[in-house]
Amino acid sequence: DHNDHYTQAGDLYRLMSEEERTRLVQTIVGAMTPVEKVEIKLRQIGHFHKADSEFGSRIAEGLGLSVSQEV
């Protein structure tokens, strides 16, 4: 399906080693930290969460946002 923007990203995340996942999460958290609007952060976390729930949760945690806020 051409409208599915999440399955391939989630599959790639799940193929990564734990070290690679940690590095990716740290990179994304670092890029998103300066964003001032919480709504933008939550919207992005939602996209990561749709790809893989652990991925979204780890990014939320790294940004100091609770998992309940992202859903």
N, C-alpha and C. Protein backbone atom coordinates (compact mmCIF):
# COMPACT_ATOMS: atom_id res chain seq x y z
N ASP A 1 0.85 -1.18 0.00
CA ASP A 1 0.00 0.00 0.00
C ASP A 1 0.89 1.24 0.00
N HIS A 2 0.64 2.12 -0.95
CA HIS A 2 1.46 3.33 -1.08
C HIS A 2 1.21 4.34 0.03
N ASN A 3 0.14 4.19 0.78
CA ASN A 3 -0.18 5.12 1.86
C ASN A 3 0.38 4.65 3.21
N ASP A 4 1.04 3.50 3.23
CA ASP A 4 1.61 2.98 4.47
C ASP A 4 3.04 3.50 4.62
N HIS A 5 3.18 4.47 5.50
CA HIS A 5 4.50 5.08 5.70
C HIS A 5 5.19 4.55 6.95
N TYR A 6 4.64 3.50 7.55
CA TYR A 6 5.13 3.07 8.86
C TYR A 6 5.72 1.66 8.89
N THR A 7 5.17 0.73 8.12
CA THR A 7 5.60 -0.66 8.19
C THR A 7 7.09 -0.82 7.88
N GLN A 8 7.54 -0.22 6.79
CA GLN A 8 8.94 -0.37 6.40
C GLN A 8 9.87 0.25 7.45
N ALA A 9 9.50 1.41 7.96
CA ALA A 9 10.33 2.06 9.00
C ALA A 9 10.38 1.20 10.26
N GLY A 10 9.25 0.64 10.65
CA GLY A 10 9.21 -0.22 11.83
C GLY A 10 10.03 -1.48 11.63
N ASP A 11 9.92 -2.07 10.43
CA ASP A 11 10.70 -3.28 10.13
C ASP A 11 12.19 -2.98 10.21
N LEU A 12 12.61 -1.84 9.67
CA LEU A 12 14.02 -1.47 9.71
C LEU A 12 14.49 -1.29 11.15
N TYR A 13 13.69 -0.61 11.96
CA TYR A 13 14.04 -0.40 13.37
C TYR A 13 14.22 -1.74 14.08
N ARG A 14 13.32 -2.67 13.81
CA ARG A 14 13.38 -3.99 14.48
C ARG A 14 14.56 -4.83 13.99
N LEU A 15 15.08 -4.55 12.80
CA LEU A 15 16.25 -5.27 12.30
C LEU A 15 17.55 -4.77 12.92
N MET A 16 17.53 -3.57 13.46
CA MET A 16 18.74 -2.97 14.03
C MET A 16 19.15 -3.66 15.32
N SER A 17 20.45 -3.60 15.58
CA SER A 17 20.95 -4.09 16.86
C SER A 17 20.52 -3.11 17.95
N GLU A 18 20.61 -3.52 19.20
CA GLU A 18 20.25 -2.62 20.30
C GLU A 18 21.12 -1.37 20.28
N GLU A 19 22.39 -1.54 19.98
CA GLU A 19 23.30 -0.39 19.92
C GLU A 19 22.87 0.58 18.82
N GLU A 20 22.50 0.05 17.67
CA GLU A 20 22.04 0.90 16.56
C GLU A 20 20.74 1.62 16.92
N ARG A 21 19.83 0.91 17.58
CA ARG A 21 18.56 1.53 18.00
C ARG A 21 18.83 2.68 18.97
N THR A 22 19.70 2.44 19.93
CA THR A 22 20.03 3.46 20.93
C THR A 22 20.63 4.68 20.26
N ARG A 23 21.54 4.46 19.34
CA ARG A 23 22.17 5.58 18.62
C ARG A 23 21.13 6.36 17.81
N LEU A 24 20.24 5.65 17.14
CA LEU A 24 19.19 6.31 16.35
C LEU A 24 18.28 7.14 17.24
N VAL A 25 17.84 6.56 18.35
CA VAL A 25 16.97 7.29 19.29
C VAL A 25 17.69 8.53 19.80
N GLN A 26 18.96 8.40 20.17
CA GLN A 26 19.73 9.55 20.69
C GLN A 26 19.85 10.65 19.63
N THR A 27 20.05 10.26 18.38
CA THR A 27 20.16 11.23 17.29
C THR A 27 18.85 11.99 17.10
N ILE A 28 17.75 11.25 17.10
CA ILE A 28 16.44 11.88 16.90
C ILE A 28 16.09 12.78 18.09
N VAL A 29 16.34 12.30 19.30
CA VAL A 29 16.07 13.10 20.50
C VAL A 29 16.90 14.38 20.44
N GLY A 30 18.16 14.27 20.05
CA GLY A 30 19.02 15.44 19.94
C GLY A 30 18.50 16.45 18.92
N ALA A 31 17.98 15.95 17.82
CA ALA A 31 17.45 16.84 16.78
C ALA A 31 16.13 17.48 17.20
N MET A 32 15.34 16.77 18.01
CA MET A 32 14.02 17.28 18.40
C MET A 32 14.05 18.12 19.67
N THR A 33 15.09 18.01 20.47
CA THR A 33 15.16 18.74 21.75
C THR A 33 14.97 20.25 21.59
N PRO A 34 15.60 20.88 20.57
CA PRO A 34 15.43 22.34 20.45
C PRO A 34 14.02 22.79 20.01
N VAL A 35 13.20 21.88 19.53
CA VAL A 35 11.85 22.25 19.09
C VAL A 35 11.07 22.74 20.31
N GLU A 36 10.53 23.95 20.20
CA GLU A 36 9.88 24.56 21.36
C GLU A 36 8.44 24.11 21.54
N LYS A 37 7.73 23.84 20.46
CA LYS A 37 6.30 23.49 20.57
C LYS A 37 6.12 22.02 20.91
N VAL A 38 5.53 21.77 22.06
CA VAL A 38 5.31 20.40 22.51
C VAL A 38 4.39 19.65 21.54
N GLU A 39 3.42 20.37 20.94
CA GLU A 39 2.49 19.70 20.00
C GLU A 39 3.26 19.08 18.84
N ILE A 40 4.29 19.77 18.38
CA ILE A 40 5.09 19.25 17.26
C ILE A 40 5.84 18.00 17.70
N LYS A 41 6.41 18.05 18.89
CA LYS A 41 7.12 16.87 19.40
C LYS A 41 6.17 15.69 19.52
N LEU A 42 4.98 15.94 20.06
CA LEU A 42 4.01 14.85 20.25
C LEU A 42 3.55 14.27 18.91
N ARG A 43 3.38 15.14 17.91
CA ARG A 43 2.97 14.65 16.59
C ARG A 43 4.04 13.74 16.01
N GLN A 44 5.30 14.16 16.13
CA GLN A 44 6.40 13.34 15.62
C GLN A 44 6.52 12.03 16.39
N ILE A 45 6.39 12.09 17.71
CA ILE A 45 6.43 10.86 18.51
C ILE A 45 5.35 9.91 18.04
N GLY A 46 4.18 10.44 17.72
CA GLY A 46 3.09 9.61 17.20
C GLY A 46 3.48 8.87 15.94
N HIS A 47 4.22 9.54 15.07
CA HIS A 47 4.67 8.88 13.83
C HIS A 47 5.66 7.76 14.16
N PHE A 48 6.61 8.04 15.05
CA PHE A 48 7.58 7.00 15.43
C PHE A 48 6.86 5.83 16.10
N HIS A 49 5.86 6.13 16.91
CA HIS A 49 5.10 5.10 17.63
C HIS A 49 4.33 4.21 16.65
N LYS A 50 3.81 4.79 15.57
CA LYS A 50 3.09 3.99 14.56
C LYS A 50 4.04 3.03 13.85
N ALA A 51 5.29 3.43 13.71
CA ALA A 51 6.28 2.54 13.09
C ALA A 51 6.63 1.40 14.04
N ASP A 52 6.84 1.74 15.30
CA ASP A 52 7.17 0.73 16.33
C ASP A 52 6.91 1.38 17.69
N SER A 53 6.09 0.73 18.51
CA SER A 53 5.70 1.35 19.79
C SER A 53 6.89 1.59 20.71
N GLU A 54 7.85 0.67 20.73
CA GLU A 54 9.05 0.87 21.55
C GLU A 54 9.84 2.08 21.07
N PHE A 55 9.95 2.22 19.77
CA PHE A 55 10.66 3.34 19.14
C PHE A 55 10.04 4.66 19.61
N GLY A 56 8.74 4.79 19.50
CA GLY A 56 8.05 6.00 19.93
C GLY A 56 8.21 6.26 21.41
N SER A 57 8.10 5.21 22.20
CA SER A 57 8.22 5.35 23.65
C SER A 57 9.61 5.80 24.07
N ARG A 58 10.63 5.26 23.41
CA ARG A 58 12.01 5.64 23.75
C ARG A 58 12.28 7.09 23.39
N ILE A 59 11.72 7.55 22.28
CA ILE A 59 11.91 8.95 21.89
C ILE A 59 11.16 9.85 22.87
N ALA A 60 9.94 9.48 23.22
CA ALA A 60 9.17 10.27 24.20
C ALA A 60 9.94 10.38 25.50
N GLU A 61 10.46 9.27 25.98
CA GLU A 61 11.22 9.24 27.23
C GLU A 61 12.45 10.14 27.13
N GLY A 62 13.14 10.08 26.00
CA GLY A 62 14.33 10.90 25.79
C GLY A 62 14.02 12.39 25.79
N LEU A 63 12.80 12.73 25.39
CA LEU A 63 12.38 14.13 25.36
C LEU A 63 11.72 14.55 26.67
N GLY A 64 11.63 13.62 27.62
CA GLY A 64 11.01 13.94 28.90
C GLY A 64 9.50 14.05 28.84
N LEU A 65 8.90 13.36 27.86
CA LEU A 65 7.45 13.37 27.71
C LEU A 65 6.92 12.00 28.12
N SER A 66 5.75 11.98 28.73
CA SER A 66 5.22 10.70 29.16
C SER A 66 4.58 9.97 27.99
N VAL A 67 4.55 8.65 28.09
CA VAL A 67 3.98 7.82 27.04
C VAL A 67 2.49 8.14 26.86
N SER A 68 1.80 8.48 27.95
CA SER A 68 0.37 8.77 27.84
C SER A 68 0.12 10.03 27.01
N GLN A 69 1.08 10.96 26.98
CA GLN A 69 0.93 12.18 26.20
C GLN A 69 1.00 11.91 24.70
N GLU A 70 1.73 10.88 24.32
CA GLU A 70 1.97 10.67 22.90
C GLU A 70 0.76 10.08 22.17
N VAL A 71 -0.13 9.40 22.90
CA VAL A 71 -1.26 8.73 22.27
C VAL A 71 -2.45 9.65 22.25
